[in-house]
N, C-alpha and C. Protein backbone atom coordinates (compact mmCIF):
# COMPACT_ATOMS: atom_id res chain seq x y z
N MET A 1 160.82 108.99 138.69
CA MET A 1 159.71 108.09 138.94
C MET A 1 158.90 108.98 140.16
N GLU A 2 157.42 108.67 140.15
CA GLU A 2 156.75 109.36 141.02
C GLU A 2 155.57 108.24 141.34
N GLU A 3 155.22 108.27 142.63
CA GLU A 3 154.27 107.40 142.99
C GLU A 3 152.97 108.17 143.32
N ILE A 4 151.89 108.02 142.99
CA ILE A 4 150.48 108.47 143.19
C ILE A 4 149.40 107.58 143.44
N ILE A 5 148.44 108.00 144.31
CA ILE A 5 147.50 106.94 144.50
C ILE A 5 146.45 107.21 143.19
N VAL A 6 145.76 106.06 143.10
CA VAL A 6 145.21 105.89 141.75
C VAL A 6 144.07 107.03 141.81
N ASP A 7 143.33 107.50 142.45
CA ASP A 7 142.41 108.67 142.44
C ASP A 7 142.87 109.74 142.26
N ALA A 8 143.82 110.40 142.59
CA ALA A 8 144.35 111.60 142.23
C ALA A 8 144.84 111.30 140.81
N CYS A 9 145.87 110.08 140.53
CA CYS A 9 146.30 109.72 139.15
C CYS A 9 145.03 110.17 138.07
N ALA A 10 143.83 109.40 138.48
CA ALA A 10 142.93 109.58 137.34
C ALA A 10 142.41 111.15 137.40
N MET A 11 142.59 111.84 138.03
CA MET A 11 142.22 113.44 138.01
C MET A 11 143.43 114.06 137.26
N LYS A 12 144.60 113.56 137.43
CA LYS A 12 145.44 114.33 136.61
C LYS A 12 145.68 114.09 135.23
N LEU A 13 145.31 112.76 135.02
CA LEU A 13 145.17 112.06 133.45
C LEU A 13 144.23 112.88 132.79
N VAL A 14 143.12 113.42 133.35
CA VAL A 14 141.99 114.20 132.80
C VAL A 14 142.69 115.40 132.64
N MET A 15 142.98 116.04 133.93
CA MET A 15 143.26 117.63 133.47
C MET A 15 144.84 117.87 132.70
N ASN A 16 145.56 116.88 132.59
CA ASN A 16 146.84 117.21 131.84
C ASN A 16 147.27 115.96 131.78
N PRO A 17 147.07 115.09 130.71
CA PRO A 17 147.37 113.74 130.17
C PRO A 17 149.01 113.93 129.76
N TRP A 18 149.56 114.84 129.41
CA TRP A 18 150.76 115.11 128.90
C TRP A 18 151.81 115.13 129.87
N GLN A 19 151.40 115.12 131.25
CA GLN A 19 152.56 115.22 132.21
C GLN A 19 153.08 113.57 132.41
N PHE A 20 152.22 112.66 131.78
CA PHE A 20 152.97 111.35 131.92
C PHE A 20 153.70 110.74 130.72
N ASP A 21 154.71 110.29 131.12
CA ASP A 21 155.45 109.34 129.91
C ASP A 21 154.82 107.80 129.91
N VAL A 22 154.98 107.12 131.09
CA VAL A 22 154.44 105.58 131.52
C VAL A 22 153.92 105.72 132.84
N LEU A 23 152.76 104.85 132.60
CA LEU A 23 152.02 104.51 133.89
C LEU A 23 152.23 103.01 134.20
N VAL A 24 152.56 102.59 135.42
CA VAL A 24 152.83 101.31 135.80
C VAL A 24 152.01 101.12 137.03
N THR A 25 151.09 100.05 136.66
CA THR A 25 150.18 100.13 137.54
C THR A 25 149.96 98.48 137.92
N THR A 26 148.88 98.10 138.78
CA THR A 26 148.31 96.84 138.99
C THR A 26 147.23 96.85 137.88
N ASN A 27 147.07 95.39 137.75
CA ASN A 27 145.76 95.08 136.67
C ASN A 27 144.76 95.83 136.75
N LEU A 28 144.22 95.94 137.78
CA LEU A 28 142.83 96.56 138.43
C LEU A 28 142.73 97.91 138.06
N PHE A 29 144.03 98.73 138.45
CA PHE A 29 144.14 100.12 138.34
C PHE A 29 144.42 100.71 136.76
N GLY A 30 145.28 99.62 136.27
CA GLY A 30 145.65 100.16 134.70
C GLY A 30 144.16 99.65 133.84
N ASP A 31 143.28 99.24 134.36
CA ASP A 31 142.19 98.72 133.65
C ASP A 31 141.25 100.16 133.59
N ILE A 32 141.05 100.45 134.73
CA ILE A 32 140.18 101.87 135.05
C ILE A 32 140.74 102.77 134.54
N LEU A 33 142.16 103.16 134.50
CA LEU A 33 142.61 104.16 134.13
C LEU A 33 142.74 104.28 132.64
N SER A 34 142.91 102.97 131.98
CA SER A 34 142.80 103.18 130.72
C SER A 34 141.76 103.23 130.09
N ASP A 35 140.69 102.83 130.83
CA ASP A 35 139.22 103.02 130.11
C ASP A 35 139.13 104.56 130.32
N GLU A 36 139.38 105.17 131.26
CA GLU A 36 139.14 106.49 131.41
C GLU A 36 139.79 107.29 130.50
N ILE A 37 141.19 107.26 130.27
CA ILE A 37 141.94 108.09 129.40
C ILE A 37 141.65 107.78 127.70
N ALA A 38 140.87 106.37 127.54
CA ALA A 38 140.33 106.44 126.02
C ALA A 38 139.65 107.32 125.86
N GLY A 39 138.73 107.88 126.79
CA GLY A 39 137.81 109.10 126.38
C GLY A 39 138.65 110.26 125.74
N LEU A 40 139.57 110.30 126.07
CA LEU A 40 140.28 111.73 125.45
C LEU A 40 140.83 111.26 124.09
N VAL A 41 140.91 110.12 123.61
CA VAL A 41 141.25 109.90 122.42
C VAL A 41 140.34 109.16 121.18
N GLY A 42 138.62 109.47 121.92
CA GLY A 42 137.90 109.11 120.91
C GLY A 42 136.85 107.83 121.62
N GLY A 43 137.30 107.25 122.57
CA GLY A 43 136.54 106.26 123.20
C GLY A 43 137.19 105.00 123.22
N LEU A 44 136.89 104.00 123.56
CA LEU A 44 137.23 102.62 123.88
C LEU A 44 137.82 102.21 122.61
N GLY A 45 136.99 102.51 121.69
CA GLY A 45 137.04 101.73 120.18
C GLY A 45 138.56 102.22 119.46
N MET A 46 139.35 103.20 120.33
CA MET A 46 140.56 103.93 119.69
C MET A 46 141.75 103.33 120.43
N ALA A 47 141.42 102.51 121.54
CA ALA A 47 142.84 102.47 122.66
C ALA A 47 142.97 101.18 122.73
N PRO A 48 144.23 100.99 122.20
CA PRO A 48 144.85 99.72 122.29
C PRO A 48 145.63 99.34 123.60
N GLY A 49 146.04 98.05 123.65
CA GLY A 49 146.44 97.59 125.23
C GLY A 49 147.63 96.85 124.99
N ALA A 50 148.29 96.77 125.84
CA ALA A 50 149.55 95.55 126.07
C ALA A 50 149.91 95.51 127.62
N ASN A 51 150.03 94.00 127.70
CA ASN A 51 150.70 93.41 128.91
C ASN A 51 152.26 92.96 128.64
N ILE A 52 153.22 93.60 128.78
CA ILE A 52 154.60 92.84 128.64
C ILE A 52 155.39 92.43 129.72
N GLY A 53 155.57 91.23 129.99
CA GLY A 53 156.42 90.73 130.81
C GLY A 53 157.77 90.22 130.39
N GLU A 54 158.40 89.42 131.36
CA GLU A 54 159.86 88.93 130.80
C GLU A 54 159.86 87.98 129.73
N HIS A 55 158.62 87.06 129.91
CA HIS A 55 158.81 85.83 128.83
C HIS A 55 157.38 85.87 128.00
N ALA A 56 156.42 86.94 128.08
CA ALA A 56 155.37 86.97 127.19
C ALA A 56 154.90 88.17 127.10
N ALA A 57 154.23 88.37 125.90
CA ALA A 57 153.40 89.55 125.59
C ALA A 57 151.95 89.51 125.32
N ILE A 58 151.00 90.26 125.79
CA ILE A 58 149.59 90.00 125.36
C ILE A 58 149.27 91.65 124.76
N PHE A 59 148.64 91.36 123.45
CA PHE A 59 148.34 92.51 122.91
C PHE A 59 146.67 92.69 122.92
N GLU A 60 145.73 93.59 122.77
CA GLU A 60 144.70 93.56 122.93
C GLU A 60 144.21 95.11 122.95
N ALA A 61 142.76 95.20 122.78
CA ALA A 61 141.89 96.33 122.90
C ALA A 61 141.72 96.25 124.30
N VAL A 62 142.01 97.74 124.68
CA VAL A 62 141.95 97.76 126.29
C VAL A 62 140.32 97.48 126.90
N HIS A 63 139.41 97.62 125.96
CA HIS A 63 137.97 97.07 126.14
C HIS A 63 137.56 95.52 126.26
N GLY A 64 138.48 94.81 125.58
CA GLY A 64 138.37 93.54 125.46
C GLY A 64 137.27 93.21 124.61
N SER A 65 136.37 92.05 124.57
CA SER A 65 135.60 91.71 123.71
C SER A 65 134.21 92.23 123.95
N ALA A 66 133.51 92.57 122.88
CA ALA A 66 131.99 93.14 122.96
C ALA A 66 130.98 92.31 122.43
N PRO A 67 130.66 91.26 123.20
CA PRO A 67 129.69 90.12 123.05
C PRO A 67 128.54 90.67 122.70
N ASP A 68 127.89 91.90 123.13
CA ASP A 68 126.62 92.57 123.02
C ASP A 68 126.61 93.10 121.59
N ILE A 69 127.65 93.30 120.84
CA ILE A 69 127.41 93.90 119.40
C ILE A 69 128.00 92.80 118.46
N ALA A 70 128.62 91.61 119.04
CA ALA A 70 128.91 90.64 118.06
C ALA A 70 128.07 90.36 116.77
N GLY A 71 128.55 90.46 115.63
CA GLY A 71 127.75 89.91 114.45
C GLY A 71 126.74 91.03 114.06
N LYS A 72 126.85 92.42 114.45
CA LYS A 72 125.92 93.55 113.87
C LYS A 72 126.74 94.25 113.12
N GLY A 73 127.95 94.50 112.88
CA GLY A 73 128.67 95.05 111.95
C GLY A 73 128.96 96.65 112.47
N ILE A 74 128.69 96.84 113.79
CA ILE A 74 128.93 98.14 114.28
C ILE A 74 130.15 98.47 115.01
N ALA A 75 131.08 97.38 115.12
CA ALA A 75 132.51 97.54 116.20
C ALA A 75 133.45 98.29 115.36
N ASN A 76 134.11 99.03 116.15
CA ASN A 76 135.21 99.65 115.40
C ASN A 76 136.48 99.00 115.83
N PRO A 77 137.10 98.55 114.71
CA PRO A 77 138.36 97.40 115.12
C PRO A 77 139.43 98.35 115.17
N THR A 78 139.54 99.78 115.25
CA THR A 78 140.72 100.46 115.15
C THR A 78 141.77 100.07 116.64
N ALA A 79 140.82 99.71 117.88
CA ALA A 79 141.86 99.59 119.15
C ALA A 79 142.59 98.29 118.73
N LEU A 80 141.61 97.33 118.22
CA LEU A 80 142.40 95.66 118.42
C LEU A 80 143.64 95.92 116.96
N LEU A 81 143.50 96.77 115.84
CA LEU A 81 144.39 97.01 115.05
C LEU A 81 145.65 97.77 115.61
N LEU A 82 145.47 98.86 116.31
CA LEU A 82 146.57 99.61 117.20
C LEU A 82 147.12 98.68 117.86
N ALA A 83 146.62 97.75 118.54
CA ALA A 83 147.39 96.70 119.51
C ALA A 83 147.92 95.63 118.49
N ALA A 84 147.85 95.54 117.50
CA ALA A 84 148.29 94.57 116.36
C ALA A 84 149.64 95.43 116.04
N ALA A 85 149.37 96.53 115.70
CA ALA A 85 150.74 97.50 115.44
C ALA A 85 151.89 97.53 116.56
N MET A 86 151.36 97.59 117.60
CA MET A 86 152.14 97.50 118.63
C MET A 86 152.86 95.97 118.86
N MET A 87 152.11 95.11 118.48
CA MET A 87 152.66 93.53 118.56
C MET A 87 154.02 93.61 117.54
N LEU A 88 153.61 94.16 116.40
CA LEU A 88 154.34 94.16 115.44
C LEU A 88 156.04 94.90 115.92
N ASP A 89 155.65 96.06 116.39
CA ASP A 89 156.80 96.78 117.21
C ASP A 89 157.54 95.78 118.10
N HIS A 90 156.47 95.24 118.92
CA HIS A 90 157.30 94.38 119.85
C HIS A 90 158.27 93.30 119.18
N VAL A 91 157.83 92.53 118.19
CA VAL A 91 158.65 91.31 117.36
C VAL A 91 159.49 92.28 116.50
N LYS A 92 159.90 93.21 116.59
CA LYS A 92 160.80 94.04 115.74
C LYS A 92 160.49 94.20 114.24
N ARG A 93 159.21 94.56 114.09
CA ARG A 93 158.81 94.50 113.07
C ARG A 93 157.95 96.19 112.56
N ALA A 94 158.63 96.87 113.43
CA ALA A 94 158.12 98.42 113.36
C ALA A 94 157.81 98.89 111.99
N ASP A 95 158.46 98.45 111.06
CA ASP A 95 157.94 98.61 109.69
C ASP A 95 156.75 98.52 109.15
N LEU A 96 156.05 97.37 109.79
CA LEU A 96 154.72 96.94 109.41
C LEU A 96 153.78 97.60 110.33
N GLY A 97 154.28 97.91 111.57
CA GLY A 97 153.46 98.60 112.58
C GLY A 97 153.21 100.18 112.03
N ASP A 98 154.29 100.60 111.60
CA ASP A 98 154.45 101.95 110.92
C ASP A 98 153.12 102.29 109.82
N ARG A 99 153.23 101.22 108.97
CA ARG A 99 152.51 100.76 107.77
C ARG A 99 150.92 100.87 108.16
N LEU A 100 150.69 100.03 109.25
CA LEU A 100 149.26 99.73 109.86
C LEU A 100 148.84 101.18 110.54
N ARG A 101 149.69 101.86 111.17
CA ARG A 101 149.06 102.87 111.79
C ARG A 101 149.09 104.03 110.66
N ARG A 102 149.82 104.01 109.90
CA ARG A 102 149.65 105.50 108.79
C ARG A 102 148.34 104.98 108.06
N ALA A 103 148.08 103.33 107.72
CA ALA A 103 146.55 103.47 107.08
C ALA A 103 145.64 103.85 107.87
N ILE A 104 145.66 103.57 109.29
CA ILE A 104 144.49 103.84 110.09
C ILE A 104 144.39 105.25 109.98
N ASP A 105 145.46 105.95 110.19
CA ASP A 105 145.57 107.45 110.12
C ASP A 105 144.71 108.00 108.94
N GLU A 106 145.07 107.59 107.66
CA GLU A 106 144.74 108.14 106.59
C GLU A 106 143.46 107.68 106.42
N THR A 107 142.92 106.44 106.88
CA THR A 107 141.66 106.02 106.45
C THR A 107 140.56 107.11 107.45
N LEU A 108 141.16 107.37 108.62
CA LEU A 108 140.22 107.93 109.56
C LEU A 108 140.15 109.64 109.22
N ASN A 109 141.50 110.35 108.67
CA ASN A 109 141.60 111.42 108.71
C ASN A 109 141.67 111.88 107.30
N ILE A 110 142.09 111.08 106.29
CA ILE A 110 141.91 111.72 104.98
C ILE A 110 140.76 111.09 104.14
N ASP A 111 140.39 109.69 104.26
CA ASP A 111 139.26 109.27 103.78
C ASP A 111 137.83 109.67 104.63
N ASN A 112 138.08 109.98 105.65
CA ASN A 112 137.18 110.38 106.69
C ASN A 112 135.96 109.14 106.84
N VAL A 113 136.56 107.89 106.64
CA VAL A 113 135.93 106.79 106.82
C VAL A 113 135.89 106.38 108.23
N ARG A 114 134.79 106.58 109.07
CA ARG A 114 134.65 106.32 110.53
C ARG A 114 133.30 105.43 110.83
N THR A 115 133.49 104.76 111.91
CA THR A 115 132.29 103.79 112.40
C THR A 115 131.50 104.86 113.27
N GLY A 116 130.22 104.29 113.55
CA GLY A 116 129.13 105.31 114.11
C GLY A 116 129.91 105.75 115.58
N ASP A 117 130.85 104.85 116.32
CA ASP A 117 131.05 105.66 117.74
C ASP A 117 132.33 106.91 117.50
N LEU A 118 132.65 106.93 115.98
CA LEU A 118 133.32 108.33 115.83
C LEU A 118 132.79 109.27 115.15
N GLY A 119 131.56 109.03 114.91
CA GLY A 119 130.22 109.93 114.56
C GLY A 119 130.28 109.78 112.64
N GLY A 120 130.83 108.56 112.43
CA GLY A 120 130.71 108.38 110.98
C GLY A 120 129.54 107.37 110.62
N THR A 121 129.44 106.81 109.74
CA THR A 121 128.41 105.85 109.19
C THR A 121 128.77 104.72 108.22
N ALA A 122 130.18 104.36 108.37
CA ALA A 122 130.81 103.13 108.00
C ALA A 122 130.47 102.07 109.02
N ASN A 123 130.19 101.03 108.59
CA ASN A 123 130.06 99.63 109.55
C ASN A 123 131.50 98.99 109.46
N THR A 124 131.69 97.79 110.27
CA THR A 124 132.97 97.27 110.46
C THR A 124 133.33 96.91 109.33
N ARG A 125 132.60 96.33 108.20
CA ARG A 125 133.27 95.63 106.87
C ARG A 125 133.67 96.89 105.93
N GLU A 126 133.03 97.89 106.03
CA GLU A 126 133.28 99.24 105.23
C GLU A 126 134.63 99.83 105.88
N PHE A 127 134.69 99.99 107.18
CA PHE A 127 135.90 100.66 107.64
C PHE A 127 137.03 99.76 107.27
N THR A 128 136.92 98.26 107.40
CA THR A 128 137.98 97.44 107.14
C THR A 128 138.31 97.47 105.78
N ALA A 129 137.44 97.42 104.71
CA ALA A 129 137.65 97.67 103.45
C ALA A 129 138.55 99.05 102.98
N ALA A 130 138.23 100.15 103.44
CA ALA A 130 138.80 101.16 103.25
C ALA A 130 140.13 101.18 103.91
N LEU A 131 140.48 100.68 104.92
CA LEU A 131 141.82 100.37 105.86
C LEU A 131 142.80 99.48 104.79
N VAL A 132 141.98 98.42 104.41
CA VAL A 132 142.97 97.51 103.66
C VAL A 132 143.33 98.23 102.25
N LYS A 133 142.81 98.95 101.55
CA LYS A 133 142.82 99.96 100.54
C LYS A 133 143.89 100.65 100.80
N ARG A 134 144.07 101.38 102.26
CA ARG A 134 145.21 102.42 102.55
C ARG A 134 146.33 101.56 102.73
N ALA A 135 146.23 100.35 103.39
CA ALA A 135 147.45 99.70 103.54
C ALA A 135 148.07 99.21 102.54
N LYS A 136 147.29 98.53 101.46
CA LYS A 136 147.89 98.10 100.16
C LYS A 136 148.55 99.41 99.13
N ALA A 137 147.92 100.32 99.39
CA ALA A 137 148.45 101.55 98.84
C ALA A 137 150.04 102.10 99.35
N GLY A 138 149.95 101.61 100.62
CA GLY A 138 151.43 101.86 101.25
C GLY A 138 152.67 101.03 101.14
N VAL A 139 152.20 99.81 100.10
CA VAL A 139 153.09 99.08 99.88
C VAL A 139 154.45 99.41 99.06
């Protein structure tokens, strides 16, 4: 275990994120660092989050809600879907979590169906339809 101040941690994350296995932070610093590191994996639309305690767990997209784009069909649901996969792992349904992650991976990297934030042209509904098709194929 190593303790590090948050600004130095932010720099180390950008320079060499592979040096970290797990980060344990306060809520404020965790929010800041998770937003920063999301840029290394495609942006906030790709970053799931989890808060796991002794008696409860919450799974969400690290960016939270996006009321400014609600109803426009331009949201990337991947972060929320990856959070759902983490929740499935947490409730001992890794088989379903793996199936969801595989469908996401294949939709993005084989089918090349991507939302605008990832350089694609699919709207939320089109991305979701492609993902559901992949998930059903994995049955």
